[in-house]
Amino acid sequence: MINENENIQDPEMNNSEENVEQGSAATEELTNKLNESNDKYARLVAEFDNYKKRTAKEKIDLMQSAGKDVILKLLPVVDDFDRSLSFMKDVSSDDPMKQGIDLVYHKLKKTMEQLGVKEIEVLGQPFDPEFQEAITLIPAPSPDLKDKVIDVIEKGYTLNDTVIRFAKVVVGQ
């Protein structure tokens, strides 16, 4: 005789509990795989976005500094124009030679400015090793010129706010 208080388990009930457990495990496994795939996708999207930003920045940098080599080769020409004009300061401004040199010099300077080249103003400024190279130190003629640029041997230039040639200067001590 079967006792009514005893739990008799139906084989079909055991099967459905196993199916629920297996279904739950399968759902959990699929959820984990989905989360993993979503994570990989998010990382891939972020990596691609960084790649696009990096290449765009590199392209802009390349365009801004594309003429750097040519400009560096033209700077000695600008220096020669500066020297020729300083030698001609006593010549009358009506002199056609002086007018011609002045015209070409100003055109060259204007073209360089349009390309993003700027002269670094240093005379009378405190010495700054980020923009200047000290050639020599001399006693300052007055106390207010101590640690300041007294003379410029060679002008310095920037291209799009990046130093392409340091100014060579004499600093007061």
Protein backbone atom coordinates (compact mmCIF):
# COMPACT_ATOMS: atom_id res chain seq x y z
CA MET A 1 0.00 0.00 0.00
CA ILE A 2 1.18 3.51 -0.82
CA ASN A 3 1.29 6.03 1.89
CA GLU A 4 -0.41 9.27 0.88
CA ASN A 5 2.07 11.35 2.81
CA GLU A 6 4.96 10.11 0.74
CA ASN A 7 5.88 12.26 -2.16
CA ILE A 8 5.68 10.35 -5.31
CA GLN A 9 7.55 12.07 -8.01
CA ASP A 10 6.19 11.91 -11.46
CA PRO A 11 8.89 11.23 -14.10
CA GLU A 12 7.37 13.90 -16.33
CA MET A 13 7.68 16.44 -13.54
CA ASN A 14 11.36 15.61 -13.11
CA ASN A 15 11.83 16.05 -16.83
CA SER A 16 10.19 19.49 -16.87
CA GLU A 17 12.31 20.66 -13.92
CA GLU A 18 15.43 19.48 -15.75
CA ASN A 19 14.25 21.27 -18.89
CA VAL A 20 13.68 24.47 -16.92
CA GLU A 21 17.14 24.18 -15.37
CA GLN A 22 18.71 23.46 -18.75
CA GLY A 23 16.74 26.32 -20.31
CA SER A 24 17.84 28.63 -17.53
CA ALA A 25 21.47 27.59 -18.00
CA ALA A 26 21.19 28.00 -21.76
CA THR A 27 19.59 31.43 -21.33
CA GLU A 28 22.35 32.46 -18.95
CA GLU A 29 25.00 31.22 -21.38
CA LEU A 30 23.37 33.08 -24.28
CA THR A 31 23.08 36.21 -22.16
CA ASN A 32 26.79 36.00 -21.33
CA LYS A 33 27.65 35.53 -25.01
CA LEU A 34 25.44 38.49 -25.94
CA ASN A 35 27.08 40.70 -23.30
CA GLU A 36 30.52 39.59 -24.51
CA SER A 37 29.59 40.36 -28.13
CA ASN A 38 28.17 43.76 -27.15
CA ASP A 39 31.38 44.54 -25.26
CA LYS A 40 33.53 43.54 -28.25
CA TYR A 41 31.35 45.62 -30.55
CA ALA A 42 31.57 48.69 -28.28
CA ARG A 43 35.35 48.35 -28.07
CA LEU A 44 35.63 47.97 -31.84
CA VAL A 45 33.49 51.06 -32.44
CA ALA A 46 35.57 53.07 -29.96
CA GLU A 47 38.82 51.85 -31.53
CA PHE A 48 37.60 52.79 -35.01
CA ASP A 49 36.49 56.22 -33.79
CA ASN A 50 39.96 56.79 -32.27
CA TYR A 51 41.54 55.67 -35.54
CA LYS A 52 39.45 58.19 -37.51
CA LYS A 53 40.36 61.01 -35.12
CA ARG A 54 44.05 60.09 -35.17
CA THR A 55 44.26 59.94 -38.97
CA ALA A 56 42.36 63.25 -39.31
CA LYS A 57 44.79 64.89 -36.89
CA GLU A 58 47.79 63.43 -38.74
CA LYS A 59 46.40 64.72 -42.03
CA ILE A 60 45.96 68.23 -40.62
CA ASP A 61 49.48 68.17 -39.14
CA LEU A 62 50.90 66.99 -42.45
CA MET A 63 49.13 69.73 -44.36
CA GLN A 64 50.30 72.39 -41.91
CA SER A 65 53.91 71.32 -42.02
CA ALA A 66 54.08 70.19 -45.65
CA GLY A 67 56.10 73.22 -46.72
CA LYS A 68 58.37 73.19 -43.69
CA ASP A 69 61.42 71.98 -45.65
CA VAL A 70 60.97 74.63 -48.33
CA ILE A 71 60.44 77.35 -45.74
CA LEU A 72 63.57 76.30 -43.85
CA LYS A 73 65.55 76.67 -47.08
CA LEU A 74 64.07 80.14 -47.68
CA LEU A 75 64.93 81.50 -44.22
CA PRO A 76 68.59 82.20 -45.15
CA VAL A 77 67.29 84.23 -48.11
CA VAL A 78 65.16 86.30 -45.71
CA ASP A 79 68.26 86.76 -43.53
CA ASP A 80 70.22 87.99 -46.57
CA PHE A 81 67.47 90.49 -47.37
CA ASP A 82 67.58 91.73 -43.76
CA ARG A 83 71.34 92.22 -43.98
CA SER A 84 71.16 93.98 -47.35
CA LEU A 85 68.52 96.37 -46.06
CA SER A 86 70.54 97.10 -42.92
CA PHE A 87 73.56 97.96 -45.11
CA MET A 88 71.39 100.24 -47.23
CA LYS A 89 69.89 102.22 -44.35
CA ASP A 90 72.02 105.26 -45.28
CA VAL A 91 70.94 105.11 -48.93
CA SER A 92 68.18 107.48 -50.02
CA SER A 93 64.69 105.95 -50.20
CA ASP A 94 64.46 107.28 -53.79
CA ASP A 95 67.23 104.92 -54.90
CA PRO A 96 65.68 102.38 -57.34
CA MET A 97 67.98 99.61 -56.07
CA LYS A 98 66.79 100.11 -52.51
CA GLN A 99 63.16 100.28 -53.64
CA GLY A 100 63.53 97.02 -55.59
CA ILE A 101 65.15 95.16 -52.70
CA ASP A 102 62.53 96.54 -50.31
CA LEU A 103 59.68 95.48 -52.63
CA VAL A 104 60.96 91.90 -53.02
CA TYR A 105 61.70 91.63 -49.29
CA HIS A 106 58.17 92.71 -48.29
CA LYS A 107 56.57 90.36 -50.82
CA LEU A 108 58.62 87.46 -49.48
CA LYS A 109 57.76 88.33 -45.87
CA LYS A 110 54.05 88.65 -46.71
CA THR A 111 54.06 85.29 -48.51
CA MET A 112 55.79 83.65 -45.54
CA GLU A 113 53.19 85.12 -43.17
CA GLN A 114 50.38 83.76 -45.37
CA LEU A 115 51.99 80.31 -45.06
CA GLY A 116 51.90 80.57 -41.25
CA VAL A 117 55.52 81.63 -40.68
CA LYS A 118 56.03 84.22 -37.95
CA GLU A 119 59.18 85.87 -36.69
CA ILE A 120 59.86 85.35 -32.99
CA GLU A 121 60.20 88.74 -31.30
CA VAL A 122 62.97 88.42 -28.71
CA LEU A 123 64.91 91.66 -28.43
CA GLY A 124 64.58 93.06 -24.89
CA GLN A 125 62.56 90.02 -23.77
CA PRO A 126 63.58 87.69 -20.93
CA PHE A 127 65.63 84.73 -22.15
CA ASP A 128 63.36 81.75 -22.96
CA PRO A 129 65.10 78.51 -23.97
CA GLU A 130 61.91 77.27 -25.64
CA PHE A 131 62.31 79.90 -28.36
CA GLN A 132 65.91 81.06 -28.10
CA GLU A 133 69.42 79.70 -28.16
CA ALA A 134 71.96 81.71 -26.17
CA ILE A 135 75.15 82.14 -28.20
CA THR A 136 76.96 84.11 -25.54
CA LEU A 137 76.49 85.93 -22.24
CA ILE A 138 77.81 89.46 -21.78
CA PRO A 139 77.63 91.88 -18.85
CA ALA A 140 74.31 93.71 -18.98
CA PRO A 141 74.74 97.41 -19.86
CA SER A 142 72.02 98.26 -17.32
CA PRO A 143 70.41 96.33 -14.45
CA ASP A 144 67.06 96.17 -16.24
CA LEU A 145 68.65 94.14 -19.09
CA LYS A 146 69.91 91.40 -16.78
CA ASP A 147 68.79 87.96 -18.05
CA LYS A 148 67.24 89.60 -21.11
CA VAL A 149 68.07 89.42 -24.79
CA ILE A 150 70.47 92.23 -25.69
CA ASP A 151 71.20 91.34 -29.32
CA VAL A 152 69.85 88.96 -31.96
CA ILE A 153 72.45 87.14 -34.06
CA GLU A 154 69.94 85.14 -36.11
CA LYS A 155 66.16 85.58 -36.05
CA GLY A 156 63.95 82.73 -34.97
CA TYR A 157 60.73 81.64 -36.69
CA THR A 158 57.62 79.61 -35.96
CA LEU A 159 55.43 77.73 -38.42
CA ASN A 160 51.84 77.45 -37.18
CA ASP A 161 53.01 78.10 -33.60
CA THR A 162 55.75 75.43 -33.78
CA VAL A 163 59.36 76.59 -33.62
CA ILE A 164 61.15 75.77 -36.88
CA ARG A 165 64.27 77.80 -36.09
CA PHE A 166 65.41 79.04 -32.69
CA ALA A 167 66.55 82.63 -32.37
CA LYS A 168 70.29 82.86 -31.71
CA VAL A 169 70.75 85.61 -29.14
CA VAL A 170 73.16 87.39 -26.82
CA VAL A 171 71.92 87.52 -23.22
CA GLY A 172 72.81 90.07 -20.54
CA GLN A 173 74.34 88.69 -17.36
